[in-house]
Structure formats: structure tokens, C-alpha cells
N, C-alpha and C. Protein backbone atom coordinates (compact mmCIF):
# COMPACT_ATOMS: atom_id res chain seq x y z
N MET A 1 -8.16 0.83 23.06
CA MET A 1 -7.85 1.31 23.80
C MET A 1 -7.65 0.46 25.26
N PRO A 2 -6.52 0.24 26.30
CA PRO A 2 -6.61 -0.58 27.39
C PRO A 2 -7.55 0.18 28.55
N LYS A 3 -8.00 -0.68 28.93
CA LYS A 3 -9.09 0.16 29.77
C LYS A 3 -8.21 0.35 31.49
N GLY A 4 -7.44 -0.70 31.48
CA GLY A 4 -6.60 -0.40 33.08
C GLY A 4 -6.33 1.08 33.24
N LYS A 5 -5.53 1.11 34.48
CA LYS A 5 -5.22 1.98 35.30
C LYS A 5 -4.12 2.15 35.39
N GLY A 6 -3.37 1.27 35.18
CA GLY A 6 -1.84 1.51 35.45
C GLY A 6 -0.89 2.07 34.82
N LYS A 7 0.44 2.11 34.97
CA LYS A 7 1.21 2.78 34.55
C LYS A 7 1.57 1.99 32.93
N ASN A 8 1.38 0.99 33.38
CA ASN A 8 1.80 -0.27 31.83
C ASN A 8 0.73 0.40 31.26
N ALA A 9 -0.72 0.65 31.10
CA ALA A 9 -1.75 0.51 30.74
C ALA A 9 -1.91 1.83 29.87
N GLU A 10 -1.26 3.06 30.48
CA GLU A 10 -1.13 4.01 29.30
C GLU A 10 0.07 4.03 28.48
N ARG A 11 1.21 3.48 29.06
CA ARG A 11 2.69 2.97 28.50
C ARG A 11 1.77 2.30 26.89
N ARG A 12 0.93 1.41 27.39
CA ARG A 12 0.30 0.72 25.99
C ARG A 12 -0.70 1.61 25.21
N ALA A 13 -1.20 2.62 25.82
CA ALA A 13 -1.87 3.52 25.08
C ALA A 13 -1.43 3.89 24.19
N ALA A 14 0.04 4.59 24.53
CA ALA A 14 1.16 5.66 23.88
C ALA A 14 1.24 4.90 22.84
N GLU A 15 1.85 3.82 23.16
CA GLU A 15 2.30 2.85 22.18
C GLU A 15 1.50 2.68 20.92
N MET A 16 -0.08 2.30 21.35
CA MET A 16 -0.70 2.00 20.24
C MET A 16 -1.06 3.13 19.72
N ARG A 17 -1.26 4.40 20.38
CA ARG A 17 -1.47 5.56 19.21
C ARG A 17 -0.34 5.87 18.61
N ARG A 18 1.10 5.88 18.77
CA ARG A 18 2.55 5.77 18.06
C ARG A 18 1.93 4.86 16.48
N ASN A 19 1.59 3.32 16.91
CA ASN A 19 2.07 2.25 15.91
C ASN A 19 0.66 2.97 15.13
N THR A 20 -0.69 3.28 15.49
CA THR A 20 -1.60 3.65 15.36
C THR A 20 -1.48 4.73 13.97
N GLU A 21 -0.43 6.24 14.02
CA GLU A 21 0.00 6.95 13.21
C GLU A 21 0.51 6.40 12.41
N ARG A 22 1.47 5.65 13.21
CA ARG A 22 2.83 4.89 11.69
C ARG A 22 1.95 4.13 10.66
N ASN A 23 0.81 3.38 10.90
CA ASN A 23 0.23 2.65 9.80
C ASN A 23 -0.76 3.51 9.15
N ARG A 24 -1.13 4.42 9.76
CA ARG A 24 -2.15 5.17 8.85
C ARG A 24 -1.36 5.71 7.90
N ALA A 25 -0.10 6.12 8.09
CA ALA A 25 0.77 7.16 7.14
C ALA A 25 1.65 6.02 6.11
N SER A 26 1.12 4.61 6.60
CA SER A 26 2.11 3.98 5.52
C SER A 26 0.83 3.42 4.67
N LYS A 27 -0.47 3.24 5.36
CA LYS A 27 -1.61 2.92 4.35
C LYS A 27 -1.56 4.12 3.23
N SER A 28 -1.90 5.55 3.83
CA SER A 28 -1.98 6.18 2.90
C SER A 28 -1.13 6.07 2.02
N ALA A 29 0.32 6.27 1.90
CA ALA A 29 1.46 5.62 0.78
C ALA A 29 0.92 4.69 -0.14
N VAL A 30 0.46 3.25 0.40
CA VAL A 30 0.28 2.96 -0.23
C VAL A 30 -0.57 3.14 -1.19
N LYS A 31 -2.20 3.69 -0.95
CA LYS A 31 -3.39 4.03 -1.27
C LYS A 31 -2.44 5.36 -2.38
N THR A 32 -2.12 5.69 -1.99
CA THR A 32 -1.76 7.41 -3.07
C THR A 32 -1.01 6.65 -4.76
N TYR A 33 0.57 5.43 -3.89
CA TYR A 33 1.05 5.11 -4.72
C TYR A 33 0.09 4.09 -6.13
N MET A 34 -0.66 3.49 -5.05
CA MET A 34 -1.66 2.39 -6.15
C MET A 34 -2.52 3.48 -7.22
N THR A 35 -2.65 4.62 -6.40
CA THR A 35 -4.13 5.49 -7.23
C THR A 35 -2.91 5.90 -8.34
N ARG A 36 -1.50 6.34 -8.03
CA ARG A 36 -0.76 7.25 -9.37
C ARG A 36 -0.53 5.69 -10.80
N ALA A 37 -0.63 4.92 -9.91
CA ALA A 37 0.09 3.50 -10.56
C ALA A 37 -1.45 3.39 -11.76
N VAL A 38 -2.43 3.77 -10.96
CA VAL A 38 -4.04 3.24 -12.26
C VAL A 38 -3.68 4.33 -12.79
N GLU A 39 -3.28 5.41 -12.73
CA GLU A 39 -3.36 6.72 -13.00
C GLU A 39 -2.48 6.64 -14.55
N ALA A 40 -1.21 6.12 -14.34
CA ALA A 40 -0.12 6.06 -15.11
C ALA A 40 -0.55 4.96 -16.00
N ILE A 41 -1.25 3.75 -15.77
CA ILE A 41 -1.87 2.74 -16.63
C ILE A 41 -2.72 3.44 -17.45
N ALA A 42 -3.76 4.19 -16.97
CA ALA A 42 -5.14 4.62 -17.95
C ALA A 42 -4.18 6.22 -18.87
N GLY A 43 -3.25 6.42 -18.50
CA GLY A 43 -2.86 7.40 -19.42
C GLY A 43 -1.89 7.18 -20.27
N ASP A 44 -0.91 6.94 -20.08
CA ASP A 44 0.16 6.44 -21.07
C ASP A 44 0.94 4.80 -20.31
N VAL A 45 0.46 4.16 -20.99
CA VAL A 45 0.81 3.01 -21.01
C VAL A 45 2.80 2.77 -20.77
N GLU A 46 3.22 2.72 -21.35
CA GLU A 46 4.73 3.28 -21.45
C GLU A 46 4.96 3.25 -20.69
N SER A 47 4.89 4.58 -20.10
CA SER A 47 5.81 5.75 -19.02
C SER A 47 5.28 5.05 -17.50
N SER A 48 4.39 4.21 -17.88
CA SER A 48 3.86 3.86 -15.92
C SER A 48 4.82 2.76 -15.50
N ASP A 49 5.82 2.22 -16.13
CA ASP A 49 6.48 1.68 -15.02
C ASP A 49 7.20 1.57 -13.70
N GLU A 50 7.62 3.16 -13.58
CA GLU A 50 8.11 3.71 -12.22
C GLU A 50 6.95 3.84 -11.37
N ALA A 51 5.65 4.05 -12.21
CA ALA A 51 4.58 3.95 -10.80
C ALA A 51 4.70 3.14 -10.32
N ILE A 52 4.42 1.74 -11.36
CA ILE A 52 3.95 0.47 -11.09
C ILE A 52 5.12 0.12 -9.65
N ILE A 53 6.31 0.45 -10.07
CA ILE A 53 7.34 0.16 -9.19
C ILE A 53 7.27 0.50 -8.29
N ARG A 54 7.28 1.88 -8.03
CA ARG A 54 6.76 2.59 -6.73
C ARG A 54 5.81 1.69 -5.69
N ALA A 55 4.82 1.43 -6.35
CA ALA A 55 3.34 0.85 -5.66
C ALA A 55 4.12 -0.13 -5.32
N GLN A 56 4.69 -1.45 -5.61
CA GLN A 56 5.24 -2.46 -5.44
C GLN A 56 6.42 -2.09 -4.41
N LYS A 57 6.44 -1.63 -4.43
CA LYS A 57 7.83 -0.94 -3.04
C LYS A 57 7.04 -0.99 -2.37
N ALA A 58 6.19 -0.36 -2.18
CA ALA A 58 4.98 0.45 -0.86
C ALA A 58 4.35 -0.80 -0.47
N LEU A 59 3.57 -1.45 -1.73
CA LEU A 59 3.14 -2.95 -0.63
C LEU A 59 3.52 -3.52 -0.01
N ASP A 60 5.32 -3.95 -0.42
CA ASP A 60 6.37 -5.08 -0.10
C ASP A 60 7.06 -4.61 1.30
N THR A 61 7.39 -3.20 1.38
CA THR A 61 7.36 -2.44 2.53
C THR A 61 5.96 -2.67 3.30
N ALA A 62 5.05 -2.13 3.25
CA ALA A 62 3.52 -2.50 4.56
C ALA A 62 3.36 -3.64 4.84
N ALA A 63 3.59 -4.38 4.00
CA ALA A 63 3.65 -6.05 4.60
C ALA A 63 4.38 -6.77 5.10
N GLY A 64 5.78 -6.14 4.70
CA GLY A 64 7.16 -6.47 5.46
C GLY A 64 6.93 -6.03 7.38
N HIS A 65 6.22 -4.91 7.35
CA HIS A 65 6.01 -4.40 8.52
C HIS A 65 5.15 -4.63 9.07
N GLY A 66 4.03 -5.19 8.90
CA GLY A 66 2.98 -5.61 9.25
C GLY A 66 1.78 -4.61 9.30
N VAL A 67 1.89 -3.75 8.40
CA VAL A 67 0.65 -2.75 8.12
C VAL A 67 -0.72 -3.41 7.71
N ILE A 68 -0.26 -4.33 6.37
CA ILE A 68 -1.13 -4.62 6.11
C ILE A 68 -0.50 -6.10 5.37
N HIS A 69 -1.86 -7.55 5.62
CA HIS A 69 -1.18 -8.69 5.22
C HIS A 69 -0.67 -9.08 4.01
N ARG A 70 0.56 -9.82 3.88
CA ARG A 70 1.28 -10.45 2.81
C ARG A 70 0.41 -10.57 1.62
N ASN A 71 -0.61 -11.46 1.92
CA ASN A 71 -1.91 -11.78 0.72
C ASN A 71 -2.45 -10.84 0.29
N GLN A 72 -2.54 -9.70 1.20
CA GLN A 72 -3.54 -8.51 0.35
C GLN A 72 -2.15 -7.62 -0.23
N ALA A 73 -1.30 -7.78 0.10
CA ALA A 73 -0.41 -7.16 -0.62
C ALA A 73 -0.22 -7.64 -2.28
N ALA A 74 0.27 -9.31 -2.16
CA ALA A 74 0.11 -9.53 -3.01
C ALA A 74 -1.31 -9.55 -3.86
N ARG A 75 -2.15 -9.62 -3.64
CA ARG A 75 -3.56 -9.36 -3.85
C ARG A 75 -3.82 -7.82 -4.81
N ARG A 76 -3.73 -6.94 -4.07
CA ARG A 76 -3.24 -5.81 -4.65
C ARG A 76 -2.34 -5.52 -5.77
N LEU A 77 -0.95 -5.63 -5.65
CA LEU A 77 -0.03 -6.13 -6.87
C LEU A 77 -0.93 -6.96 -7.67
N SER A 78 -1.14 -8.19 -7.88
CA SER A 78 -2.10 -8.93 -8.64
C SER A 78 -2.67 -8.05 -9.98
N ARG A 79 -3.76 -7.71 -8.81
CA ARG A 79 -4.43 -6.60 -9.82
C ARG A 79 -4.11 -5.81 -10.61
N LEU A 80 -3.20 -5.10 -10.04
CA LEU A 80 -2.35 -4.33 -10.54
C LEU A 80 -1.75 -4.55 -11.52
N MET A 81 -1.25 -5.70 -11.50
CA MET A 81 -0.33 -6.09 -12.74
C MET A 81 -1.38 -6.65 -13.81
N LYS A 82 -2.39 -7.11 -13.51
CA LYS A 82 -3.24 -7.94 -14.43
C LYS A 82 -3.82 -6.48 -14.67
N ARG A 83 -4.32 -5.30 -14.53
CA ARG A 83 -4.88 -4.27 -15.11
C ARG A 83 -3.50 -3.34 -16.10
N PHE A 84 -2.37 -3.49 -15.62
CA PHE A 84 -1.26 -3.73 -16.69
C PHE A 84 -1.44 -3.98 -18.13
N ASN A 85 -1.27 -5.16 -17.91
CA ASN A 85 -0.98 -6.01 -18.80
C ASN A 85 -2.42 -5.88 -20.00
N ARG A 86 -3.76 -6.01 -19.13
CA ARG A 86 -4.64 -6.07 -20.28
C ARG A 86 -4.71 -4.19 -20.87
N ALA A 87 -4.22 -3.17 -20.00
CA ALA A 87 -4.04 -1.88 -21.04
C ALA A 87 -2.53 -2.26 -22.10
N VAL A 88 -1.81 -3.25 -21.90
CA VAL A 88 -0.65 -3.41 -23.16
C VAL A 88 -1.38 -4.07 -23.97
N LEU A 89 -2.30 -5.30 -23.89
CA LEU A 89 -2.85 -5.91 -25.06
C LEU A 89 -3.81 -5.04 -25.63
N SER A 90 -4.64 -4.15 -25.10
CA SER A 90 -5.33 -3.71 -25.99
C SER A 90 -4.44 -2.43 -26.75
N GLN A 91 -3.83 -1.85 -26.41
CA GLN A 91 -3.50 -1.28 -27.30
C GLN A 91 -2.78 -1.37 -28.53
N PRO A 92 -3.19 -0.78 -29.33
CA PRO A 92 -2.92 -0.78 -30.92
C PRO A 92 -1.30 -0.88 -31.11
N SER A 93 -1.12 -1.72 -31.93
CA SER A 93 -0.07 -1.97 -32.37
C SER A 93 1.43 -0.81 -33.13
């Protein structure tokens, strides 16, 4: 929080509160979609495509808006896809 006492400090504080709320919601959505994708992979690999696509979209959106770093988004997606590929390979034919 800005420590100043002027009007601009109050405006910056209000702006920071707004941005914090928006970032918190975006991060929460990313976590939710990632969890759903992991659960979908663990449950039924064949039908997990939609959950993975939603997680990827949430990660890309958060990275594009600067909520998370683009390298973090890439790392999370890479780990998700690695998990998916392991699940596909371990499935009995």
C-alpha cells in the first residue's frame, strides 16, 4: 500500500485494491482449471481433452494479462501435458 497522504496516493491504493482482486480471481480460475484437468487425466484420459484446453486457455490469458509470468504459464502447461502423456502411454491398449 502506498504510504503517502495525498490524493494520488489514495488513487493508487484504490487501483492496487482493484488489480489485486482481479489478479486473485484470475489466479483462482487458473488453479481451478488446472485441478480439473489433473482430475480428468486421472479419471478418464480419453475425455480429458476439453479440461486440458480450458486449463491452457486460462494459463495463456493469465500470462497475457500479466497476472502470472509467461514462463510460469509455460512450465505449468508443460507439466500438465507431461502428466497427460504419461497417462496415455500407461493405458492398456
